């Protein structure tokens, strides 16, 4: 099951790491991550908190450059947020699993 739509109404999202190009290490060098069409991907970290609950920091891959104005501490909304579960065995034979967050972009609040 992939790209499950996520409704985050009632949650506050605060930028903890400003949006940046998404990169990965390949053979000791850093390369920019692109989608199937060759479009560069971006990543942003946000702290998600619901009233009366503990919060959690999540990293979200953005399918487009969100533009300026998303500094650390800014309150934002994710546009078209989805989540996809993943699981794989790493190089040491350990099973790694989690949730991959994605969004089409960011929208400033306030």
C-alpha atoms as a PDB file:
ATOM      1  CA  UNK A   1       0.000   0.000   0.000  1.00  0.00           C
ATOM      2  CA  UNK A   2       1.513   3.301  -1.078  1.00  0.00           C
ATOM      3  CA  UNK A   3       0.692   7.000  -0.985  1.00  0.00           C
ATOM      4  CA  UNK A   4      -2.009   6.893   1.683  1.00  0.00           C
ATOM      5  CA  UNK A   5      -3.603  10.369   1.952  1.00  0.00           C
ATOM      6  CA  UNK A   6      -3.083  12.029   5.323  1.00  0.00           C
ATOM      7  CA  UNK A   7      -5.432  14.573   6.909  1.00  0.00           C
ATOM      8  CA  UNK A   8      -3.537  16.739   9.393  1.00  0.00           C
ATOM      9  CA  UNK A   9      -6.320  19.084  10.510  1.00  0.00           C
ATOM     10  CA  UNK A  10      -5.949  19.732  14.228  1.00  0.00           C
ATOM     11  CA  UNK A  11      -2.156  19.371  14.039  1.00  0.00           C
ATOM     12  CA  UNK A  12       0.388  22.197  14.240  1.00  0.00           C
ATOM     13  CA  UNK A  13       3.390  21.795  11.969  1.00  0.00           C
ATOM     14  CA  UNK A  14       6.468  23.898  12.714  1.00  0.00           C
ATOM     15  CA  UNK A  15       9.563  23.908  10.493  1.00  0.00           C
ATOM     16  CA  UNK A  16      12.589  22.577  12.404  1.00  0.00           C
ATOM     17  CA  UNK A  17      14.936  22.284   9.388  1.00  0.00           C
ATOM     18  CA  UNK A  18      14.419  24.566   6.409  1.00  0.00           C
ATOM     19  CA  UNK A  19      13.613  23.014   3.016  1.00  0.00           C
ATOM     20  CA  UNK A  20      16.682  21.898   1.059  1.00  0.00           C
ATOM     21  CA  UNK A  21      17.495  19.778  -1.961  1.00  0.00           C
ATOM     22  CA  UNK A  22      17.255  16.090  -1.073  1.00  0.00           C
ATOM     23  CA  UNK A  23      20.576  14.275  -1.477  1.00  0.00           C
ATOM     24  CA  UNK A  24      21.953  10.776  -0.964  1.00  0.00           C
ATOM     25  CA  UNK A  25      25.422   9.272  -0.751  1.00  0.00           C
ATOM     26  CA  UNK A  26      26.471   7.071  -3.679  1.00  0.00           C
ATOM     27  CA  UNK A  27      29.990   5.623  -3.680  1.00  0.00           C
ATOM     28  CA  UNK A  28      31.184   8.336  -1.292  1.00  0.00           C
ATOM     29  CA  UNK A  29      29.772  11.265  -3.249  1.00  0.00           C
ATOM     30  CA  UNK A  30      26.600  13.230  -2.675  1.00  0.00           C
ATOM     31  CA  UNK A  31      24.000  13.287  -5.456  1.00  0.00           C
ATOM     32  CA  UNK A  32      20.683  15.108  -5.776  1.00  0.00           C
ATOM     33  CA  UNK A  33      17.588  12.896  -5.545  1.00  0.00           C
ATOM     34  CA  UNK A  34      15.171  13.192  -8.477  1.00  0.00           C
ATOM     35  CA  UNK A  35      11.817  11.623  -9.304  1.00  0.00           C
ATOM     36  CA  UNK A  36      11.159   9.376 -12.322  1.00  0.00           C
ATOM     37  CA  UNK A  37      10.870  12.444 -14.559  1.00  0.00           C
ATOM     38  CA  UNK A  38      14.211  13.891 -13.416  1.00  0.00           C
ATOM     39  CA  UNK A  39      12.670  16.626 -11.221  1.00  0.00           C
ATOM     40  CA  UNK A  40      14.763  17.468  -8.141  1.00  0.00           C
ATOM     41  CA  UNK A  41      13.180  16.544  -4.803  1.00  0.00           C
ATOM     42  CA  UNK A  42      13.333  18.644  -1.631  1.00  0.00           C
ATOM     43  CA  UNK A  43      13.143  17.705   2.036  1.00  0.00           C
ATOM     44  CA  UNK A  44      11.909  19.589   5.091  1.00  0.00           C
ATOM     45  CA  UNK A  45      11.733  18.615   8.762  1.00  0.00           C
ATOM     46  CA  UNK A  46       8.663  19.649  10.736  1.00  0.00           C
ATOM     47  CA  UNK A  47       7.600  19.136  14.330  1.00  0.00           C
ATOM     48  CA  UNK A  48       4.021  17.810  14.343  1.00  0.00           C
ATOM     49  CA  UNK A  49       1.941  18.315  17.485  1.00  0.00           C
ATOM     50  CA  UNK A  50      -1.733  17.945  18.309  1.00  0.00           C
ATOM     51  CA  UNK A  51      -3.198  19.878  21.240  1.00  0.00           C
ATOM     52  CA  UNK A  52      -2.698  17.989  24.501  1.00  0.00           C
ATOM     53  CA  UNK A  53      -0.451  15.373  22.870  1.00  0.00           C
ATOM     54  CA  UNK A  54       3.296  14.884  22.630  1.00  0.00           C
ATOM     55  CA  UNK A  55       4.765  15.867  19.290  1.00  0.00           C
ATOM     56  CA  UNK A  56       7.181  14.242  16.884  1.00  0.00           C
ATOM     57  CA  UNK A  57       9.608  15.480  14.274  1.00  0.00           C
ATOM     58  CA  UNK A  58       9.025  14.127  10.768  1.00  0.00           C
ATOM     59  CA  UNK A  59      11.020  14.516   7.548  1.00  0.00           C
ATOM     60  CA  UNK A  60       8.871  15.149   4.500  1.00  0.00           C
ATOM     61  CA  UNK A  61       9.976  14.780   0.877  1.00  0.00           C
ATOM     62  CA  UNK A  62       8.555  17.575  -1.272  1.00  0.00           C
ATOM     63  CA  UNK A  63       7.959  17.011  -4.985  1.00  0.00           C
ATOM     64  CA  UNK A  64       8.713  20.654  -5.835  1.00  0.00           C
ATOM     65  CA  UNK A  65      10.755  23.597  -4.598  1.00  0.00           C
ATOM     66  CA  UNK A  66       8.604  25.182  -1.866  1.00  0.00           C
ATOM     67  CA  UNK A  67      10.128  28.614  -2.468  1.00  0.00           C
ATOM     68  CA  UNK A  68      11.181  31.206   0.110  1.00  0.00           C
ATOM     69  CA  UNK A  69       9.689  32.031   3.510  1.00  0.00           C
ATOM     70  CA  UNK A  70       9.862  28.670   5.276  1.00  0.00           C
ATOM     71  CA  UNK A  71      12.425  29.535   7.934  1.00  0.00           C
ATOM     72  CA  UNK A  72      12.968  27.534  11.117  1.00  0.00           C
ATOM     73  CA  UNK A  73      10.028  28.118  13.467  1.00  0.00           C
ATOM     74  CA  UNK A  74       7.524  28.925  10.687  1.00  0.00           C
ATOM     75  CA  UNK A  75       4.081  27.316  10.998  1.00  0.00           C
ATOM     76  CA  UNK A  76       3.131  25.480   7.814  1.00  0.00           C
ATOM     77  CA  UNK A  77       0.584  23.189   6.189  1.00  0.00           C
ATOM     78  CA  UNK A  78       1.524  20.254   3.954  1.00  0.00           C
ATOM     79  CA  UNK A  79      -0.133  20.318   0.526  1.00  0.00           C
ATOM     80  CA  UNK A  80      -1.302  16.880  -0.639  1.00  0.00           C
ATOM     81  CA  UNK A  81       0.332  14.977   2.227  1.00  0.00           C
ATOM     82  CA  UNK A  82       0.730  11.204   1.897  1.00  0.00           C
ATOM     83  CA  UNK A  83       2.470   8.463   3.825  1.00  0.00           C
ATOM     84  CA  UNK A  84       3.856   5.146   2.584  1.00  0.00           C
ATOM     85  CA  UNK A  85       4.999   2.273   4.799  1.00  0.00           C
ATOM     86  CA  UNK A  86       8.343   0.678   3.891  1.00  0.00           C
ATOM     87  CA  UNK A  87      10.438  -2.280   4.996  1.00  0.00           C
ATOM     88  CA  UNK A  88      13.778  -3.611   3.718  1.00  0.00           C
ATOM     89  CA  UNK A  89      16.894  -5.467   4.836  1.00  0.00           C
ATOM     90  CA  UNK A  90      20.003  -3.309   5.140  1.00  0.00           C
ATOM     91  CA  UNK A  91      23.580  -4.337   4.367  1.00  0.00           C
ATOM     92  CA  UNK A  92      23.924  -5.949   7.818  1.00  0.00           C
ATOM     93  CA  UNK A  93      20.834  -8.122   7.341  1.00  0.00           C
ATOM     94  CA  UNK A  94      18.704  -6.047   9.733  1.00  0.00           C
ATOM     95  CA  UNK A  95      15.110  -5.250   8.852  1.00  0.00           C
ATOM     96  CA  UNK A  96      14.482  -1.512   8.625  1.00  0.00           C
ATOM     97  CA  UNK A  97      10.898  -0.261   8.482  1.00  0.00           C
ATOM     98  CA  UNK A  98       8.995   2.963   8.917  1.00  0.00           C
ATOM     99  CA  UNK A  99       6.823   5.543   7.197  1.00  0.00           C
ATOM    100  CA  UNK A 100       7.901   7.737   4.293  1.00  0.00           C
ATOM    101  CA  UNK A 101       6.168  11.126   4.315  1.00  0.00           C
ATOM    102  CA  UNK A 102       5.630  13.051   1.055  1.00  0.00           C
ATOM    103  CA  UNK A 103       3.846  16.230   0.047  1.00  0.00           C
ATOM    104  CA  UNK A 104       3.384  18.281  -3.118  1.00  0.00           C
ATOM    105  CA  UNK A 105       4.490  21.419  -1.268  1.00  0.00           C
ATOM    106  CA  UNK A 106       4.227  23.715   1.744  1.00  0.00           C
ATOM    107  CA  UNK A 107       1.784  26.488   2.566  1.00  0.00           C
ATOM    108  CA  UNK A 108       2.621  29.146   5.186  1.00  0.00           C
ATOM    109  CA  UNK A 109       0.175  29.685   8.046  1.00  0.00           C
ATOM    110  CA  UNK A 110      -0.357  33.091   9.623  1.00  0.00           C
END
